[in-house]
């Protein structure tokens, strides 16, 4: 999905849609146009995290898509 679509389904990554936080970012509840609820993880760059760890998280997250 494009960034604008993610903003649209999460209320512009609103605090009200926040489901949780982790070392790599925040997870938001998103609602697709067909009414299906999805989790959207917004990855954040953290200087204390190794590039390899971040890439692994992005890969694992991407692999969860259908």
PDB file of N, CA and C in Angstrom:
ATOM      1  N   UNK A   1       0.839  -1.183   0.000  1.00  0.00           N
ATOM      2  CA  UNK A   1       0.000   0.000   0.000  1.00  0.00           C
ATOM      3  C   UNK A   1       0.883   1.246   0.000  1.00  0.00           C
ATOM      4  N   UNK A   2       0.358   2.271  -0.552  1.00  0.00           N
ATOM      5  CA  UNK A   2       1.059   3.559  -0.541  1.00  0.00           C
ATOM      6  C   UNK A   2       0.837   4.251   0.806  1.00  0.00           C
ATOM      7  N   UNK A   3       1.744   5.171   1.119  1.00  0.00           N
ATOM      8  CA  UNK A   3       1.678   5.875   2.393  1.00  0.00           C
ATOM      9  C   UNK A   3       0.328   6.563   2.587  1.00  0.00           C
ATOM     10  N   UNK A   4      -0.186   7.211   1.556  1.00  0.00           N
ATOM     11  CA  UNK A   4      -1.463   7.919   1.697  1.00  0.00           C
ATOM     12  C   UNK A   4      -2.596   6.953   2.038  1.00  0.00           C
ATOM     13  N   UNK A   5      -2.580   5.765   1.453  1.00  0.00           N
ATOM     14  CA  UNK A   5      -3.603   4.764   1.769  1.00  0.00           C
ATOM     15  C   UNK A   5      -3.503   4.341   3.231  1.00  0.00           C
ATOM     16  N   UNK A   6      -2.275   4.165   3.712  1.00  0.00           N
ATOM     17  CA  UNK A   6      -2.079   3.792   5.115  1.00  0.00           C
ATOM     18  C   UNK A   6      -2.565   4.899   6.044  1.00  0.00           C
ATOM     19  N   UNK A   7      -2.305   6.137   5.676  1.00  0.00           N
ATOM     20  CA  UNK A   7      -2.797   7.268   6.470  1.00  0.00           C
ATOM     21  C   UNK A   7      -4.324   7.279   6.488  1.00  0.00           C
ATOM     22  N   UNK A   8      -4.918   7.017   5.338  1.00  0.00           N
ATOM     23  CA  UNK A   8      -6.382   7.027   5.236  1.00  0.00           C
ATOM     24  C   UNK A   8      -7.022   5.969   6.132  1.00  0.00           C
ATOM     25  N   UNK A   9      -6.466   4.769   6.146  1.00  0.00           N
ATOM     26  CA  UNK A   9      -7.112   3.686   6.900  1.00  0.00           C
ATOM     27  C   UNK A   9      -6.793   3.720   8.390  1.00  0.00           C
ATOM     28  N   UNK A  10      -5.788   4.506   8.793  1.00  0.00           N
ATOM     29  CA  UNK A  10      -5.423   4.598  10.213  1.00  0.00           C
ATOM     30  C   UNK A  10      -5.767   5.954  10.818  1.00  0.00           C
ATOM     31  N   UNK A  11      -6.511   6.765  10.092  1.00  0.00           N
ATOM     32  CA  UNK A  11      -6.817   8.104  10.606  1.00  0.00           C
ATOM     33  C   UNK A  11      -5.568   8.942  10.746  1.00  0.00           C
ATOM     34  N   UNK A  12      -4.700   8.853   9.731  1.00  0.00           N
ATOM     35  CA  UNK A  12      -3.417   9.569   9.731  1.00  0.00           C
ATOM     36  C   UNK A  12      -2.550   9.140  10.917  1.00  0.00           C
ATOM     37  N   UNK A  13      -2.541   7.823  11.168  1.00  0.00           N
ATOM     38  CA  UNK A  13      -1.775   7.243  12.273  1.00  0.00           C
ATOM     39  C   UNK A  13      -2.157   7.901  13.603  1.00  0.00           C
ATOM     40  N   UNK A  14      -3.457   7.996  13.830  1.00  0.00           N
ATOM     41  CA  UNK A  14      -3.950   8.689  15.023  1.00  0.00           C
ATOM     42  C   UNK A  14      -3.699   7.884  16.295  1.00  0.00           C
ATOM     43  N   UNK A  15      -3.563   8.605  17.375  1.00  0.00           N
ATOM     44  CA  UNK A  15      -3.345   8.007  18.696  1.00  0.00           C
ATOM     45  C   UNK A  15      -4.502   7.065  19.055  1.00  0.00           C
ATOM     46  N   UNK A  16      -5.706   7.407  18.636  1.00  0.00           N
ATOM     47  CA  UNK A  16      -6.879   6.585  18.935  1.00  0.00           C
ATOM     48  C   UNK A  16      -6.806   5.217  18.257  1.00  0.00           C
ATOM     49  N   UNK A  17      -6.074   5.125  17.166  1.00  0.00           N
ATOM     50  CA  UNK A  17      -5.953   3.870  16.421  1.00  0.00           C
ATOM     51  C   UNK A  17      -4.735   3.057  16.857  1.00  0.00           C
ATOM     52  N   UNK A  18      -3.959   3.570  17.789  1.00  0.00           N
ATOM     53  CA  UNK A  18      -2.745   2.887  18.232  1.00  0.00           C
ATOM     54  C   UNK A  18      -3.090   1.626  19.020  1.00  0.00           C
ATOM     55  N   UNK A  19      -2.478   0.506  18.606  1.00  0.00           N
ATOM     56  CA  UNK A  19      -2.685  -0.775  19.284  1.00  0.00           C
ATOM     57  C   UNK A  19      -1.535  -1.135  20.210  1.00  0.00           C
ATOM     58  N   UNK A  20      -0.339  -0.679  19.878  1.00  0.00           N
ATOM     59  CA  UNK A  20       0.814  -1.010  20.702  1.00  0.00           C
ATOM     60  C   UNK A  20       2.089  -0.419  20.148  1.00  0.00           C
ATOM     61  N   UNK A  21       3.141  -0.531  20.962  1.00  0.00           N
ATOM     62  CA  UNK A  21       4.457  -0.009  20.584  1.00  0.00           C
ATOM     63  C   UNK A  21       5.504  -1.079  20.825  1.00  0.00           C
ATOM     64  N   UNK A  22       6.549  -1.027  20.023  1.00  0.00           N
ATOM     65  CA  UNK A  22       7.659  -1.952  20.189  1.00  0.00           C
ATOM     66  C   UNK A  22       8.957  -1.250  19.865  1.00  0.00           C
ATOM     67  N   UNK A  23      10.025  -2.015  19.843  1.00  0.00           N
ATOM     68  CA  UNK A  23      11.338  -1.452  19.584  1.00  0.00           C
ATOM     69  C   UNK A  23      11.512  -0.914  18.180  1.00  0.00           C
ATOM     70  N   UNK A  24      10.667  -1.346  17.266  1.00  0.00           N
ATOM     71  CA  UNK A  24      10.811  -0.933  15.873  1.00  0.00           C
ATOM     72  C   UNK A  24       9.731   0.028  15.407  1.00  0.00           C
ATOM     73  N   UNK A  25       8.739   0.300  16.240  1.00  0.00           N
ATOM     74  CA  UNK A  25       7.706   1.226  15.807  1.00  0.00           C
ATOM     75  C   UNK A  25       6.387   1.013  16.512  1.00  0.00           C
ATOM     76  N   UNK A  26       5.358   1.590  15.924  1.00  0.00           N
ATOM     77  CA  UNK A  26       4.017   1.590  16.499  1.00  0.00           C
ATOM     78  C   UNK A  26       3.088   0.793  15.589  1.00  0.00           C
ATOM     79  N   UNK A  27       2.164   0.051  16.203  1.00  0.00           N
ATOM     80  CA  UNK A  27       1.168  -0.705  15.449  1.00  0.00           C
ATOM     81  C   UNK A  27      -0.174   0.003  15.595  1.00  0.00           C
ATOM     82  N   UNK A  28      -0.828   0.215  14.462  1.00  0.00           N
ATOM     83  CA  UNK A  28      -2.115   0.904  14.422  1.00  0.00           C
ATOM     84  C   UNK A  28      -3.190  -0.011  13.861  1.00  0.00           C
ATOM     85  N   UNK A  29      -4.415   0.235  14.273  1.00  0.00           N
ATOM     86  CA  UNK A  29      -5.559  -0.445  13.679  1.00  0.00           C
ATOM     87  C   UNK A  29      -5.958   0.336  12.438  1.00  0.00           C
ATOM     88  N   UNK A  30      -6.128  -0.391  11.353  1.00  0.00           N
ATOM     89  CA  UNK A  30      -6.601   0.219  10.122  1.00  0.00           C
ATOM     90  C   UNK A  30      -7.869  -0.480   9.680  1.00  0.00           C
ATOM     91  N   UNK A  31      -8.738   0.248   9.022  1.00  0.00           N
ATOM     92  CA  UNK A  31      -9.972  -0.342   8.515  1.00  0.00           C
ATOM     93  C   UNK A  31     -10.020  -0.110   7.010  1.00  0.00           C
ATOM     94  N   UNK A  32     -10.003  -1.220   6.270  1.00  0.00           N
ATOM     95  CA  UNK A  32     -10.036  -1.148   4.814  1.00  0.00           C
ATOM     96  C   UNK A  32     -11.414  -0.715   4.331  1.00  0.00           C
ATOM     97  N   UNK A  33     -11.500  -0.331   3.067  1.00  0.00           N
ATOM     98  CA  UNK A  33     -12.769   0.120   2.492  1.00  0.00           C
ATOM     99  C   UNK A  33     -13.858  -0.936   2.581  1.00  0.00           C
ATOM    100  N   UNK A  34     -13.464  -2.216   2.572  1.00  0.00           N
ATOM    101  CA  UNK A  34     -14.456  -3.293   2.651  1.00  0.00           C
ATOM    102  C   UNK A  34     -14.833  -3.629   4.094  1.00  0.00           C
ATOM    103  N   UNK A  35     -14.319  -2.842   5.060  1.00  0.00           N
ATOM    104  CA  UNK A  35     -14.669  -3.023   6.459  1.00  0.00           C
ATOM    105  C   UNK A  35     -13.767  -3.962   7.241  1.00  0.00           C
ATOM    106  N   UNK A  36     -12.810  -4.575   6.584  1.00  0.00           N
ATOM    107  CA  UNK A  36     -11.899  -5.503   7.249  1.00  0.00           C
ATOM    108  C   UNK A  36     -10.882  -4.719   8.080  1.00  0.00           C
ATOM    109  N   UNK A  37     -10.696  -5.142   9.330  1.00  0.00           N
ATOM    110  CA  UNK A  37      -9.703  -4.522  10.208  1.00  0.00           C
ATOM    111  C   UNK A  37      -8.336  -5.154   9.969  1.00  0.00           C
ATOM    112  N   UNK A  38      -7.309  -4.320   9.932  1.00  0.00           N
ATOM    113  CA  UNK A  38      -5.941  -4.789   9.738  1.00  0.00           C
ATOM    114  C   UNK A  38      -5.024  -4.071  10.718  1.00  0.00           C
ATOM    115  N   UNK A  39      -3.875  -4.677  10.970  1.00  0.00           N
ATOM    116  CA  UNK A  39      -2.838  -4.040  11.777  1.00  0.00           C
ATOM    117  C   UNK A  39      -1.807  -3.439  10.832  1.00  0.00           C
ATOM    118  N   UNK A  40      -1.425  -2.207  11.109  1.00  0.00           N
ATOM    119  CA  UNK A  40      -0.440  -1.504  10.295  1.00  0.00           C
ATOM    120  C   UNK A  40       0.724  -1.126  11.200  1.00  0.00           C
ATOM    121  N   UNK A  41       1.899  -1.644  10.893  1.00  0.00           N
ATOM    122  CA  UNK A  41       3.083  -1.313  11.687  1.00  0.00           C
ATOM    123  C   UNK A  41       3.852  -0.208  10.982  1.00  0.00           C
ATOM    124  N   UNK A  42       4.039   0.880  11.686  1.00  0.00           N
ATOM    125  CA  UNK A  42       4.810   2.011  11.160  1.00  0.00           C
ATOM    126  C   UNK A  42       6.209   1.904  11.747  1.00  0.00           C
ATOM    127  N   UNK A  43       7.137   1.462  10.918  1.00  0.00           N
ATOM    128  CA  UNK A  43       8.508   1.266  11.373  1.00  0.00           C
ATOM    129  C   UNK A  43       9.195   2.608  11.574  1.00  0.00           C
ATOM    130  N   UNK A  44       9.973   2.688  12.643  1.00  0.00           N
ATOM    131  CA  UNK A  44      10.716   3.904  12.956  1.00  0.00           C
ATOM    132  C   UNK A  44      12.203   3.586  12.980  1.00  0.00           C
ATOM    133  N   UNK A  45      12.985   4.494  12.440  1.00  0.00           N
ATOM    134  CA  UNK A  45      14.433   4.329  12.481  1.00  0.00           C
ATOM    135  C   UNK A  45      14.902   4.713  13.879  1.00  0.00           C
ATOM    136  N   UNK A  46      15.664   3.823  14.487  1.00  0.00           N
ATOM    137  CA  UNK A  46      16.182   4.046  15.830  1.00  0.00           C
ATOM    138  C   UNK A  46      17.698   3.903  15.764  1.00  0.00           C
ATOM    139  N   UNK A  47      18.442   4.966  16.089  1.00  0.00           N
ATOM    140  CA  UNK A  47      19.900   4.905  15.968  1.00  0.00           C
ATOM    141  C   UNK A  47      20.546   3.782  16.781  1.00  0.00           C
ATOM    142  N   UNK A  48      19.889   3.312  17.831  1.00  0.00           N
ATOM    143  CA  UNK A  48      20.455   2.256  18.661  1.00  0.00           C
ATOM    144  C   UNK A  48      20.266   0.862  18.093  1.00  0.00           C
ATOM    145  N   UNK A  49      19.528   0.752  17.009  1.00  0.00           N
ATOM    146  CA  UNK A  49      19.235  -0.555  16.424  1.00  0.00           C
ATOM    147  C   UNK A  49      20.123  -0.768  15.204  1.00  0.00           C
ATOM    148  N   UNK A  50      20.685  -1.937  15.114  1.00  0.00           N
ATOM    149  CA  UNK A  50      21.544  -2.286  13.988  1.00  0.00           C
ATOM    150  C   UNK A  50      20.732  -2.346  12.696  1.00  0.00           C
ATOM    151  N   UNK A  51      21.352  -1.965  11.588  1.00  0.00           N
ATOM    152  CA  UNK A  51      20.684  -2.025  10.283  1.00  0.00           C
ATOM    153  C   UNK A  51      20.141  -3.422   9.999  1.00  0.00           C
ATOM    154  N   UNK A  52      20.914  -4.438  10.342  1.00  0.00           N
ATOM    155  CA  UNK A  52      20.493  -5.814  10.066  1.00  0.00           C
ATOM    156  C   UNK A  52      19.217  -6.157  10.835  1.00  0.00           C
ATOM    157  N   UNK A  53      19.130  -5.723  12.093  1.00  0.00           N
ATOM    158  CA  UNK A  53      17.929  -5.978  12.892  1.00  0.00           C
ATOM    159  C   UNK A  53      16.716  -5.302  12.265  1.00  0.00           C
ATOM    160  N   UNK A  54      16.893  -4.055  11.840  1.00  0.00           N
ATOM    161  CA  UNK A  54      15.797  -3.304  11.234  1.00  0.00           C
ATOM    162  C   UNK A  54      15.345  -3.969   9.938  1.00  0.00           C
ATOM    163  N   UNK A  55      16.294  -4.374   9.113  1.00  0.00           N
ATOM    164  CA  UNK A  55      15.953  -5.039   7.850  1.00  0.00           C
ATOM    165  C   UNK A  55      15.226  -6.350   8.106  1.00  0.00           C
ATOM    166  N   UNK A  56      15.646  -7.085   9.132  1.00  0.00           N
ATOM    167  CA  UNK A  56      14.958  -8.332   9.484  1.00  0.00           C
ATOM    168  C   UNK A  56      13.517  -8.055   9.893  1.00  0.00           C
ATOM    169  N   UNK A  57      13.293  -7.027  10.686  1.00  0.00           N
ATOM    170  CA  UNK A  57      11.939  -6.675  11.123  1.00  0.00           C
ATOM    171  C   UNK A  57      11.082  -6.285   9.927  1.00  0.00           C
ATOM    172  N   UNK A  58      11.638  -5.499   9.026  1.00  0.00           N
ATOM    173  CA  UNK A  58      10.893  -5.087   7.837  1.00  0.00           C
ATOM    174  C   UNK A  58      10.556  -6.296   6.971  1.00  0.00           C
ATOM    175  N   UNK A  59      11.473  -7.229   6.854  1.00  0.00           N
ATOM    176  CA  UNK A  59      11.237  -8.431   6.052  1.00  0.00           C
ATOM    177  C   UNK A  59      10.166  -9.301   6.681  1.00  0.00           C
ATOM    178  N   UNK A  60      10.250  -9.523   7.981  1.00  0.00           N
ATOM    179  CA  UNK A  60       9.258 -10.346   8.677  1.00  0.00           C
ATOM    180  C   UNK A  60       7.885  -9.710   8.558  1.00  0.00           C
ATOM    181  N   UNK A  61       7.818  -8.407   8.753  1.00  0.00           N
ATOM    182  CA  UNK A  61       6.546  -7.697   8.649  1.00  0.00           C
ATOM    183  C   UNK A  61       5.978  -7.822   7.241  1.00  0.00           C
ATOM    184  N   UNK A  62       6.813  -7.663   6.248  1.00  0.00           N
ATOM    185  CA  UNK A  62       6.372  -7.754   4.860  1.00  0.00           C
ATOM    186  C   UNK A  62       5.901  -9.168   4.528  1.00  0.00           C
ATOM    187  N   UNK A  63       6.539 -10.179   5.094  1.00  0.00           N
ATOM    188  CA  UNK A  63       6.163 -11.569   4.832  1.00  0.00           C
ATOM    189  C   UNK A  63       4.790 -11.914   5.391  1.00  0.00           C
ATOM    190  N   UNK A  64       4.280 -11.132   6.324  1.00  0.00           N
ATOM    191  CA  UNK A  64       2.975 -11.399   6.931  1.00  0.00           C
ATOM    192  C   UNK A  64       1.827 -10.995   6.018  1.00  0.00           C
ATOM    193  N   UNK A  65       2.141 -10.265   4.960  1.00  0.00           N
ATOM    194  CA  UNK A  65       1.092  -9.845   4.023  1.00  0.00           C
ATOM    195  C   UNK A  65       0.605 -11.030   3.224  1.00  0.00           C
ATOM    196  N   UNK A  66      -0.652 -10.956   2.778  1.00  0.00           N
ATOM    197  CA  UNK A  66      -1.209 -12.013   1.908  1.00  0.00           C
ATOM    198  C   UNK A  66      -0.838 -11.754   0.478  1.00  0.00           C
TER     199      UNK A  66
END
